[in-house]
Each structure stands twice: as C-alpha cells, then as structure tokens.
Amino acid sequence: MKKTLMCSLAALMVSASGIAQTPDTYTVSGGVLGAANYSKFRLADPIPGTESKFKWGYAPGVYVNFPLGNVVSLEAQAQYSRVGSEYETGNATTLNQELTYLSVPLFFKLHAGKNLAFNLGGQADFLLSAKDKTLPVEVDNEGIFEHNSLGLLGGVELFPRGRVTVFGKYVHGLKRLDENANANLARYNQQIQAGLKFKLFGKTLPGTPPPPPVPVVVDRDGDGVIDANDKCPDVAGLASLMGCPDTDGDGIADAEDKCPTVAGTAKYQGCPIPDTDGDGVNDELDKCPTVAGVAKYDGCPIPDTDGDGVNDEADKCPTRPGAASNQGCPVIAKEVIEKVNYAAKNIFFATGSYKLIGKSFQSLDQVVALLKADESLMIDIDGHTDSQGSEESNQVLSDNRAGAVKTYLVSKGIDESRLKSAGYGELKPIADNTTSAGRAKNRRTEMLVRNY
C-alpha cells in the first residue's frame, strides 16, 4: 500500500512538473500605426427624408502598450484622425461634413493567447478643424462644433504580440457634437476603424522551460532520505546523519553515541563534558576541576586573599585578616569602643543650637587621638533630638549638630572621607519624651567606630 502511494505521488509530481514552467513576459512596447476610418454622424432623432451616410477617412498615429501581467495590458494611442459624414435629403441634395481630430484612445487589452486580443476602453477627440465640403468651395465651420468629444470603444486585434498587428475597432460617441445645445440636429460620432500597427520597440522575455521529470524514488522508513543514501533505511532518522536516528539530538547518531539518551559532544563520544568536582562547571572550563568552586571564578572556590576564613566577596577588609563577626575586618579593641562611646556622651551644645560648648572639646580630642593612632578607623556621627518643637526643625537641628562634630574633627586633621554624619531628629528616641528626664536622654550624639 505504501509503495503504491509513493508511486502515485511520484506520478503526480511528474504531471505537475509539466505545467510548472513560467510563461513569457513582456516589456513596454510601442510603435506607429495607420488606419482607415469609416464614419458618420449618428442622429439622436431621425429627420424624415434625411439619411446620414458613412464617409471614408484615415488615421495615422503612434501607440504605447504597458503590460499589466501576461493577460492584461493598457494601451494609449495618439491619432491624427479624419472623420465625417454625408447626408442625403429627399431632394437628392448631398451634404458633406468633414472633421479632423487629435484622437486619444485609451483602453485595456485582454489577450486570448498570442494571436488574439480584445480591446475595451474610451476615446477622447480634440477638434483640429471642421470643413463643410458640400459646395465646390470648402467652408470652415468649426464654430458650430464642440472642441472635444468622448466615446466608448471596443475592438479586436490579430497577432497583438507580433511585429505587425491587424486591428479593428468601433467607437460609439457619447458627447453631442453640436456646440449649440438648442440646435435642431443632435449629432454624435459613430466610427469604424481598421488598420495595422508596426511595433518599433518592446521585447518578449521567454519563460522558463518545464523541469525534467522527477525520478521515482524509494524511502522505506519515510524519513525523507531515499534508501540509496540512507545508512539506516528501515529506521527513520535525520538527513544530516544519512538517515540514522539521534535520540538525544546532539548531532551524533545513536549507533555511535555512548550516551544515546543524554546530549553530549563528539569529543566524549556523545556523552556530556564531565564535571569531576560536581560544581556545575564542566572540566573544560574549570580551572580547579577537582575542587568545587563557582562559575564566577572559573570553577575555583571564592578566594580569601588575607586567609582569615572570610572569602573576599563577604570580606570588608579582604587584604587584612579579621574576624567573621566583624565582616572579615580586624576586631576593634574594646577600650577603643568604650573611649568613643564615652566621648559621645560628653558632647554638649548650646540650648536650641548646634554650637559646641567648650567642655565637649576634651572628649572630642580623645577621639582625634584614637583616629590618628589607627588610620583604619572610621567614625559614624549620629545626631538625635527630643520631640519638643516641630519635626522639621528637629531634623535640621540634628543634622547640624552631627555636622558640627564632623567639622570639629576635620579641623583637627582627620580626613573627611573617614567620617560620616547624619541627623535623625526625633525619629529614634531611647527614652520617654513625655518626661524631662526622658527628653534629656533623647537629646544626644552617638558615635560608632568601625574599620570598614
């Protein structure tokens, strides 16, 4: 059944290939034309005893054709066209009227193969001259005719793609010829034209020939690789692997893959790159393949430059051995912390001001001495107030008091980068602000000594 289906499909492809060619295409073309006109004036209301008769004329011109595909094209022409009409009245008098127009046909052309086409469009006529030739002496009578005319046209062409084309058309005038709308006669152009066109430019671009027949092929496993090229003709596989399967999708055929269900690399015969230390960084990228580490350090452990047991990423002092309790920095001596805390409790300001009182300087000078003795030390200065007054004024006062302490220390030679000052206003009370004793405790300056 499957073989029958494949044969049927192949036959269908062969059949389809017979029509899979592209048709000829065409460029813009154009040339000259010459035609004979056979025309008369069509009377809207026949006059008893008067007959309008056809009159011969001629029409040389030029044309340009624009292809809109392989079946439809648009053509414009310009013709020097002479038309007219003869009238016979009951008394055998013959009236002879001749008009000369610049005619501009514009129409669509429907090609029915290479040798036949049908035309449909319109024509505009622009009056160049009008002559009454009834008498031996011609009389110009342009004044009685409209200077332009419109009409519908339909026609047929033989050999429209050739160098020489035979054509014929009929033009049915839509606009009254008489300039005076109240004239007794209501006349309209009626024209039959036949002639030849001579193409001077334009090309036919040949289409592509049909492809050769598709050979019948056999593909037993239906994987798109024909049996002649399939190394695994009975098992569906991939074209890139000559028709053999690759279960884990690593580009290595299962027959050659030592880890057929786990994607790997050819270097390791289809198995993943090993990770000896199990740190998630494979051995080819791991600079410490037998010691678990992290990808950031190419598979090695996070370094501990100062060897204090706190790795550099967590160590605030990575080049100075310290304690984990102090984020890898050396532990500050207890007596240093106590001296700084004592000094903080002995900082005093004028009431409602941030001006330091003289009795504060002795304590602050002790802090200066500590900072100069150990340049690794830094101080955070925090100012606090009680709740008397507005929050805004308390915030400003606490900022200024902390800043005043910082300014004093800087004035004594301490680098500003080692000092931080901040005010917290009444936001961090340590006692009850409803009592005077509590408020006194809340009005304070705190100093935190650190070395990171």
Protein backbone atom coordinates (compact mmCIF):
# COMPACT_ATOMS: atom_id res chain seq x y z
CA MET A 1 0.00 0.00 0.00
CA LYS A 2 2.80 2.37 0.97
CA LYS A 3 4.74 1.61 -2.19
CA THR A 4 1.62 2.23 -4.29
CA LEU A 5 1.11 5.58 -2.55
CA MET A 6 4.74 6.60 -3.23
CA CYS A 7 4.45 5.68 -6.90
CA SER A 8 1.21 7.64 -7.21
CA LEU A 9 2.82 10.66 -5.57
CA ALA A 10 5.80 10.47 -7.91
CA ALA A 11 3.47 10.28 -10.92
CA LEU A 12 1.56 13.31 -9.68
CA MET A 13 4.84 15.24 -9.31
CA VAL A 14 5.84 14.31 -12.86
CA SER A 15 2.44 15.53 -14.10
CA ALA A 16 2.66 18.75 -12.10
CA SER A 17 6.17 19.45 -13.39
CA GLY A 18 4.77 19.62 -16.92
CA ILE A 19 2.94 22.82 -16.02
CA ALA A 20 5.49 24.17 -13.57
CA GLN A 21 7.06 26.45 -16.20
CA THR A 22 6.76 30.24 -16.11
CA PRO A 23 5.05 31.94 -19.09
CA ASP A 24 6.63 34.54 -21.36
CA THR A 25 6.68 38.10 -20.00
CA TYR A 26 6.62 41.35 -21.93
CA THR A 27 8.21 44.77 -21.62
CA VAL A 28 6.64 48.12 -22.51
CA SER A 29 6.24 48.27 -26.28
CA GLY A 30 5.18 50.82 -28.85
CA GLY A 31 5.35 51.92 -32.45
CA VAL A 32 3.37 53.53 -35.27
CA LEU A 33 0.00 52.75 -36.79
CA GLY A 34 -2.05 53.52 -39.87
CA ALA A 35 -5.78 53.03 -40.23
CA ALA A 36 -8.81 53.72 -42.38
CA ASN A 37 -11.85 55.37 -40.82
CA TYR A 38 -15.40 54.62 -41.90
CA SER A 39 -17.57 57.09 -40.00
CA LYS A 40 -20.79 59.04 -39.92
CA PHE A 41 -22.82 61.27 -37.61
CA ARG A 42 -25.38 59.36 -35.65
CA LEU A 43 -28.65 61.36 -35.35
CA ALA A 44 -30.31 61.17 -31.95
CA ASP A 45 -33.69 61.94 -33.54
CA PRO A 46 -34.00 60.84 -37.16
CA ILE A 47 -35.26 63.54 -39.57
CA PRO A 48 -37.80 62.33 -42.10
CA GLY A 49 -36.34 62.38 -45.60
CA THR A 50 -32.77 62.77 -44.33
CA GLU A 51 -30.26 59.92 -44.24
CA SER A 52 -26.82 60.05 -42.59
CA LYS A 53 -24.26 58.02 -44.57
CA PHE A 54 -20.76 56.71 -43.79
CA LYS A 55 -17.73 58.58 -45.07
CA TRP A 56 -14.16 57.33 -45.53
CA GLY A 57 -11.19 58.88 -43.72
CA TYR A 58 -7.76 57.99 -42.43
CA ALA A 59 -5.83 57.94 -39.14
CA PRO A 60 -2.02 57.72 -38.82
CA GLY A 61 -0.65 57.66 -35.26
CA VAL A 62 1.57 56.23 -32.55
CA TYR A 63 0.92 53.90 -29.61
CA VAL A 64 2.47 52.69 -26.35
CA ASN A 65 1.44 49.48 -24.58
CA PHE A 66 2.01 48.84 -20.86
CA PRO A 67 1.77 45.18 -19.75
CA LEU A 68 -0.21 44.62 -16.53
CA GLY A 69 0.64 40.95 -16.42
CA ASN A 70 0.64 38.20 -19.01
CA VAL A 71 -3.06 38.55 -19.89
CA VAL A 72 -3.99 42.22 -19.49
CA SER A 73 -2.26 45.34 -20.78
CA LEU A 74 -3.07 49.06 -21.02
CA GLU A 75 -2.59 50.86 -24.33
CA ALA A 76 -2.59 54.55 -25.17
CA GLN A 77 -2.65 55.94 -28.72
CA ALA A 78 -2.47 59.31 -30.38
CA GLN A 79 -4.00 59.60 -33.88
CA TYR A 80 -4.40 62.31 -36.47
CA SER A 81 -7.90 61.18 -37.38
CA ARG A 82 -10.12 62.42 -40.18
CA VAL A 83 -13.82 61.53 -39.90
CA GLY A 84 -17.08 62.93 -41.14
CA SER A 85 -20.49 62.19 -42.57
CA GLU A 86 -22.64 62.69 -45.64
CA TYR A 87 -26.34 63.48 -45.62
CA GLU A 88 -28.85 62.85 -48.38
CA THR A 89 -32.13 64.77 -48.24
CA GLY A 90 -35.32 63.98 -50.03
CA ASN A 91 -34.45 66.26 -52.94
CA ALA A 92 -31.26 64.26 -53.57
CA THR A 93 -29.06 67.03 -52.14
CA THR A 94 -25.88 65.59 -50.60
CA LEU A 95 -24.34 67.39 -47.64
CA ASN A 96 -20.68 66.59 -46.91
CA GLN A 97 -19.12 67.37 -43.50
CA GLU A 98 -15.50 66.59 -42.58
CA LEU A 99 -13.87 66.79 -39.10
CA THR A 100 -10.20 66.39 -38.19
CA TYR A 101 -9.38 65.33 -34.62
CA LEU A 102 -6.42 64.59 -32.45
CA SER A 103 -7.82 61.31 -31.13
CA VAL A 104 -6.52 59.71 -27.93
CA PRO A 105 -7.78 56.14 -27.43
CA LEU A 106 -7.05 54.62 -24.01
CA PHE A 107 -8.11 51.04 -23.46
CA PHE A 108 -7.45 47.75 -21.73
CA LYS A 109 -6.38 44.80 -23.84
CA LEU A 110 -7.34 41.25 -22.89
CA HIS A 111 -5.00 38.73 -24.54
CA ALA A 112 -6.54 35.41 -25.53
CA GLY A 113 -3.29 33.63 -26.30
CA LYS A 114 -0.56 35.07 -28.51
CA ASN A 115 -2.64 35.67 -31.66
CA LEU A 116 -5.84 37.30 -30.45
CA ALA A 117 -6.77 40.15 -28.13
CA PHE A 118 -9.94 42.09 -27.28
CA ASN A 119 -9.94 45.82 -26.52
CA LEU A 120 -12.29 47.85 -24.33
CA GLY A 121 -11.92 51.46 -23.22
CA GLY A 122 -12.62 55.01 -24.21
CA GLN A 123 -11.55 57.66 -26.67
CA ALA A 124 -11.18 61.40 -26.35
CA ASP A 125 -11.22 63.52 -29.53
CA PHE A 126 -9.89 67.09 -29.73
CA LEU A 127 -11.12 69.09 -32.72
CA LEU A 128 -8.39 70.39 -35.04
CA SER A 129 -10.57 71.53 -37.97
CA ALA A 130 -14.09 71.28 -39.40
CA LYS A 131 -15.00 71.79 -43.06
CA ASP A 132 -18.27 71.81 -44.93
CA LYS A 133 -17.39 70.29 -48.32
CA THR A 134 -20.86 70.33 -49.78
CA LEU A 135 -20.04 73.15 -52.23
CA PRO A 136 -17.04 73.22 -54.54
CA VAL A 137 -15.51 75.81 -52.22
CA GLU A 138 -14.80 74.37 -48.74
CA VAL A 139 -16.19 76.34 -45.81
CA ASP A 140 -14.59 76.27 -42.34
CA ASN A 141 -17.35 75.77 -39.82
CA GLU A 142 -15.52 74.86 -36.62
CA GLY A 143 -17.69 77.27 -34.66
CA ILE A 144 -20.73 75.03 -34.76
CA PHE A 145 -18.94 72.01 -33.26
CA GLU A 146 -17.77 71.24 -29.74
CA HIS A 147 -13.99 71.30 -29.46
CA ASN A 148 -13.83 67.88 -27.87
CA SER A 149 -15.73 64.63 -27.96
CA LEU A 150 -15.87 61.46 -25.86
CA GLY A 151 -16.79 57.92 -26.79
CA LEU A 152 -16.62 54.26 -25.82
CA LEU A 153 -14.59 51.86 -27.92
CA GLY A 154 -14.38 48.13 -28.36
CA GLY A 155 -12.20 46.18 -30.74
CA VAL A 156 -10.22 43.13 -31.66
CA GLU A 157 -6.59 42.55 -32.68
CA LEU A 158 -4.83 39.77 -34.54
CA PHE A 159 -1.21 38.96 -33.67
CA PRO A 160 -1.10 41.51 -30.81
CA ARG A 161 2.32 40.24 -29.70
CA GLY A 162 3.87 40.34 -33.16
CA ARG A 163 5.84 42.97 -35.03
CA VAL A 164 2.80 43.69 -37.23
CA THR A 165 -0.69 43.71 -35.74
CA VAL A 166 -4.01 43.83 -37.57
CA PHE A 167 -6.69 45.67 -35.61
CA GLY A 168 -10.25 46.85 -35.86
CA LYS A 169 -12.43 48.86 -33.51
CA TYR A 170 -15.76 50.57 -33.15
CA VAL A 171 -16.18 53.97 -31.42
CA HIS A 172 -19.57 54.99 -30.11
CA GLY A 173 -19.73 58.72 -29.40
CA LEU A 174 -21.25 59.79 -26.08
CA LYS A 175 -20.94 63.58 -26.31
CA ARG A 176 -23.05 65.73 -28.61
CA LEU A 177 -21.01 67.23 -31.44
CA ASP A 178 -23.01 70.43 -31.81
CA GLU A 179 -21.79 73.36 -29.76
CA ASN A 180 -25.27 74.88 -29.67
CA ALA A 181 -27.32 72.67 -27.38
CA ASN A 182 -30.51 74.11 -28.90
CA ALA A 183 -29.62 73.18 -32.47
CA ASN A 184 -32.20 71.19 -34.38
CA LEU A 185 -29.73 68.38 -35.01
CA ALA A 186 -28.32 66.29 -32.15
CA ARG A 187 -25.35 64.52 -33.76
CA TYR A 188 -22.86 62.03 -32.29
CA ASN A 189 -19.73 60.42 -33.74
CA GLN A 190 -20.00 56.85 -34.96
CA GLN A 191 -16.75 55.38 -36.22
CA ILE A 192 -15.40 52.08 -37.53
CA GLN A 193 -11.61 51.85 -37.84
CA ALA A 194 -9.35 49.14 -39.26
CA GLY A 195 -5.61 49.21 -39.74
CA LEU A 196 -2.13 47.96 -38.99
CA LYS A 197 0.29 48.60 -36.14
CA PHE A 198 4.06 48.29 -36.51
CA LYS A 199 6.00 47.65 -33.31
CA LEU A 200 9.25 49.62 -33.08
CA PHE A 201 10.31 48.72 -29.56
CA GLY A 202 9.49 46.21 -26.83
CA LYS A 203 10.67 42.71 -26.04
CA THR A 204 9.26 39.33 -25.25
CA LEU A 205 11.10 37.70 -22.34
CA PRO A 206 10.89 33.91 -22.73
CA GLY A 207 9.56 31.94 -19.77
CA THR A 208 11.45 29.09 -18.18
CA PRO A 209 11.06 25.63 -19.67
CA PRO A 210 9.44 22.88 -17.64
CA PRO A 211 11.79 20.95 -15.32
CA PRO A 212 12.84 17.42 -16.21
CA PRO A 213 10.65 14.59 -14.91
CA VAL A 214 11.15 13.73 -11.25
CA PRO A 215 12.66 10.26 -10.89
CA VAL A 216 10.72 7.74 -8.84
CA VAL A 217 12.50 7.19 -5.52
CA VAL A 218 12.13 4.70 -2.68
CA ASP A 219 12.20 5.67 1.01
CA ARG A 220 11.14 2.69 3.10
CA ASP A 221 11.30 4.40 6.52
CA GLY A 222 9.66 7.61 5.26
CA ASP A 223 12.30 9.94 6.75
CA GLY A 224 12.90 11.91 3.57
CA VAL A 225 16.24 10.22 2.85
CA ILE A 226 15.99 7.87 -0.11
CA ASP A 227 17.12 4.32 0.52
CA ALA A 228 20.08 4.69 -1.84
CA ASN A 229 21.55 7.33 0.52
CA ASP A 230 20.11 6.05 3.83
CA LYS A 231 22.53 4.28 6.19
CA CYS A 232 19.55 3.23 8.31
CA PRO A 233 16.89 2.57 5.65
CA ASP A 234 14.48 0.79 7.99
CA VAL A 235 14.62 3.30 10.89
CA ALA A 236 13.50 6.90 10.44
CA GLY A 237 16.35 9.32 11.03
CA LEU A 238 17.85 12.67 10.04
CA ALA A 239 19.13 13.76 6.68
CA SER A 240 22.18 15.29 8.38
CA LEU A 241 23.07 11.83 9.75
CA MET A 242 22.48 9.98 6.47
CA GLY A 243 19.03 8.82 7.61
CA CYS A 244 20.04 7.50 11.03
CA PRO A 245 18.29 8.49 14.31
CA ASP A 246 19.69 10.76 17.05
CA THR A 247 17.55 10.28 20.16
CA ASP A 248 19.23 12.94 22.32
CA GLY A 249 19.59 15.46 19.48
CA ASP A 250 23.32 16.04 20.00
CA GLY A 251 24.22 15.52 16.34
CA ILE A 252 25.77 12.10 16.94
CA ALA A 253 23.92 9.11 15.54
CA ASP A 254 22.67 6.66 18.19
CA ALA A 255 24.81 3.86 16.77
CA GLU A 256 27.97 5.88 17.52
CA ASP A 257 26.72 7.56 20.73
CA LYS A 258 27.87 6.10 24.07
CA CYS A 259 25.19 8.18 25.82
CA PRO A 260 22.34 7.99 23.26
CA THR A 261 19.70 9.41 25.60
CA VAL A 262 21.80 12.28 27.04
CA ALA A 263 23.08 15.07 24.80
CA GLY A 264 26.85 15.24 24.65
CA THR A 265 29.77 16.08 22.38
CA ALA A 266 31.77 14.19 19.79
CA LYS A 267 34.95 14.59 21.88
CA TYR A 268 33.37 12.47 24.61
CA GLN A 269 31.72 10.07 22.12
CA GLY A 270 28.27 11.57 22.57
CA CYS A 271 28.46 11.93 26.37
CA PRO A 272 28.33 15.26 28.25
CA ILE A 273 31.58 17.02 29.20
CA PRO A 274 32.47 15.68 32.68
CA ASP A 275 32.33 17.73 35.88
CA THR A 276 34.68 15.92 38.22
CA ASP A 277 34.12 18.13 41.28
CA GLY A 278 30.35 18.44 40.68
CA ASP A 279 30.31 22.24 40.99
CA GLY A 280 28.30 22.79 37.81
CA VAL A 281 31.35 23.99 35.82
CA ASN A 282 32.46 21.34 33.36
CA ASP A 283 36.08 20.22 33.40
CA GLU A 284 36.93 22.00 30.13
CA LEU A 285 36.01 25.37 31.67
CA ASP A 286 37.01 24.54 35.27
CA LYS A 287 40.42 25.86 36.33
CA CYS A 288 40.07 23.81 39.55
CA PRO A 289 38.47 20.63 38.16
CA THR A 290 38.98 18.57 41.35
CA VAL A 291 37.87 21.27 43.84
CA ALA A 292 34.28 22.54 43.89
CA GLY A 293 34.01 26.22 43.09
CA VAL A 294 31.80 28.75 41.33
CA ALA A 295 31.45 29.82 37.70
CA LYS A 296 32.47 33.43 38.53
CA TYR A 297 35.96 32.18 39.42
CA ASP A 298 36.17 29.65 36.55
CA GLY A 299 35.20 26.73 38.77
CA CYS A 300 37.58 27.60 41.63
CA PRO A 301 36.47 28.49 45.18
CA ILE A 302 35.91 32.13 46.04
CA PRO A 303 39.37 33.46 47.05
CA ASP A 304 40.32 34.51 50.60
CA THR A 305 43.23 36.85 49.99
CA ASP A 306 44.04 37.53 53.64
CA GLY A 307 43.43 33.93 54.71
CA ASP A 308 41.13 34.84 57.59
CA GLY A 309 38.45 32.33 56.68
CA VAL A 310 36.12 35.04 55.25
CA ASN A 311 36.07 34.93 51.44
CA ASP A 312 36.79 38.10 49.53
CA GLU A 313 33.18 38.59 48.44
CA ALA A 314 32.00 38.75 52.07
CA ASP A 315 35.18 40.34 53.45
CA LYS A 316 35.02 44.11 54.01
CA CYS A 317 38.79 44.04 54.59
CA PRO A 318 39.99 41.45 52.02
CA THR A 319 43.68 42.30 52.47
CA ARG A 320 43.67 42.45 56.30
CA PRO A 321 42.97 39.33 58.37
CA GLY A 322 39.96 39.76 60.59
CA ALA A 323 37.02 38.03 62.16
CA ALA A 324 33.78 36.86 60.62
CA SER A 325 31.94 38.70 63.41
CA ASN A 326 33.39 41.96 62.06
CA GLN A 327 32.81 41.09 58.37
CA GLY A 328 36.38 39.95 57.86
CA CYS A 329 37.97 43.08 59.38
CA PRO A 330 40.20 43.16 62.49
CA VAL A 331 38.22 43.35 65.77
CA ILE A 332 38.38 46.83 67.24
CA ALA A 333 39.74 46.84 70.79
CA LYS A 334 37.09 47.09 73.46
CA GLU A 335 38.81 50.04 75.14
CA VAL A 336 38.73 51.99 71.84
CA ILE A 337 34.98 51.45 71.53
CA GLU A 338 34.48 52.47 75.17
CA LYS A 339 36.52 55.67 74.72
CA VAL A 340 34.48 56.65 71.66
CA ASN A 341 31.19 55.93 73.44
CA TYR A 342 32.36 57.93 76.49
CA ALA A 343 33.33 60.85 74.27
CA ALA A 344 29.93 60.77 72.56
CA LYS A 345 28.17 61.11 75.92
CA ASN A 346 30.25 64.18 76.72
CA ILE A 347 29.39 66.27 73.68
CA PHE A 348 27.28 69.30 74.57
CA PHE A 349 25.66 72.09 72.56
CA ALA A 350 24.16 75.46 73.44
CA THR A 351 20.40 75.13 74.02
CA GLY A 352 18.48 75.07 70.71
CA SER A 353 21.76 75.48 68.80
CA TYR A 354 24.37 73.35 67.12
CA LYS A 355 27.27 75.36 68.58
CA LEU A 356 29.61 73.08 70.55
CA ILE A 357 30.23 74.03 74.19
CA GLY A 358 33.87 74.18 75.28
CA LYS A 359 33.61 71.26 77.70
CA SER A 360 32.99 68.98 74.66
CA PHE A 361 36.45 69.55 73.19
CA GLN A 362 38.41 67.38 75.65
CA SER A 363 36.33 64.30 74.75
CA LEU A 364 36.48 65.04 71.02
CA ASP A 365 40.25 65.48 71.18
CA GLN A 366 40.50 61.98 72.64
CA VAL A 367 38.61 60.71 69.58
CA VAL A 368 41.01 62.63 67.32
CA ALA A 369 43.93 60.92 69.07
CA LEU A 370 42.40 57.48 68.53
CA LEU A 371 41.79 58.15 64.81
CA LYS A 372 45.32 59.42 64.30
CA ALA A 373 46.75 56.39 66.09
CA ASP A 374 44.92 53.96 63.81
CA GLU A 375 44.16 55.23 60.32
CA SER A 376 41.98 52.21 59.58
CA LEU A 377 39.33 53.53 61.99
CA MET A 378 36.29 55.49 60.82
CA ILE A 379 33.51 57.21 62.73
CA ASP A 380 29.75 57.49 62.05
CA ILE A 381 28.29 60.51 63.87
CA ASP A 382 24.52 60.48 64.51
CA GLY A 383 22.55 63.42 65.94
CA HIS A 384 19.24 62.99 67.83
CA THR A 385 16.72 65.37 69.46
CA ASP A 386 13.71 65.11 71.74
CA SER A 387 10.18 65.76 70.49
CA GLN A 388 9.95 69.39 71.55
CA GLY A 389 9.34 71.66 68.57
CA SER A 390 8.39 70.63 65.02
CA GLU A 391 9.72 67.57 63.26
CA GLU A 392 11.24 69.78 60.57
CA SER A 393 13.17 71.97 62.99
CA ASN A 394 14.34 68.92 64.98
CA GLN A 395 15.58 67.26 61.82
CA VAL A 396 17.55 70.35 60.81
CA LEU A 397 18.98 70.72 64.34
CA SER A 398 20.11 67.07 64.48
CA ASP A 399 21.73 67.33 61.03
CA ASN A 400 23.57 70.45 62.04
CA ARG A 401 24.77 69.05 65.40
CA ALA A 402 26.15 65.88 63.79
CA GLY A 403 27.75 68.06 61.12
CA ALA A 404 29.31 70.32 63.78
CA VAL A 405 31.05 67.33 65.40
CA LYS A 406 32.33 66.20 61.99
CA THR A 407 33.58 69.71 61.22
CA TYR A 408 35.47 69.81 64.52
CA LEU A 409 37.21 66.50 63.86
CA VAL A 410 38.14 67.58 60.32
CA SER A 411 39.56 70.81 61.74
CA LYS A 412 41.85 68.66 63.89
CA GLY A 413 43.35 66.93 60.87
CA ILE A 414 41.04 63.95 60.37
CA ASP A 415 40.35 63.23 56.68
CA GLU A 416 36.69 63.88 55.85
CA SER A 417 36.43 60.58 53.95
CA ARG A 418 36.77 58.72 57.30
CA LEU A 419 33.76 60.50 58.79
CA LYS A 420 30.01 60.27 58.16
CA SER A 421 27.40 62.48 59.82
CA ALA A 422 23.61 62.13 59.80
CA GLY A 423 20.71 63.61 61.75
CA TYR A 424 17.61 61.63 62.77
CA GLY A 425 15.65 64.35 64.57
CA GLU A 426 13.12 62.81 66.96
CA LEU A 427 12.74 59.55 64.98
CA LYS A 428 14.89 57.30 67.26
CA PRO A 429 14.11 58.05 70.92
CA ILE A 430 15.72 55.89 73.62
CA ALA A 431 13.55 57.22 76.46
CA ASP A 432 10.06 58.63 77.15
CA ASN A 433 9.65 62.04 75.54
CA THR A 434 6.79 62.91 77.92
CA THR A 435 9.19 63.42 80.84
CA SER A 436 12.01 65.89 81.15
CA ALA A 437 14.43 63.09 82.13
CA GLY A 438 13.45 61.10 79.06
CA ARG A 439 13.81 64.08 76.78
CA ALA A 440 17.29 64.76 78.20
CA LYS A 441 18.37 61.23 77.23
CA ASN A 442 16.92 61.61 73.77
CA ARG A 443 18.94 64.77 73.12
CA ARG A 444 22.20 63.00 72.36
CA THR A 445 25.06 62.46 69.95
CA GLU A 446 26.15 58.90 69.13
CA MET A 447 29.44 57.84 67.56
CA LEU A 448 30.03 54.43 66.03
CA VAL A 449 33.65 53.42 65.42
CA ARG A 450 34.34 50.95 62.60
CA ASN A 451 37.18 49.88 60.36
CA TYR A 452 35.30 49.07 57.10
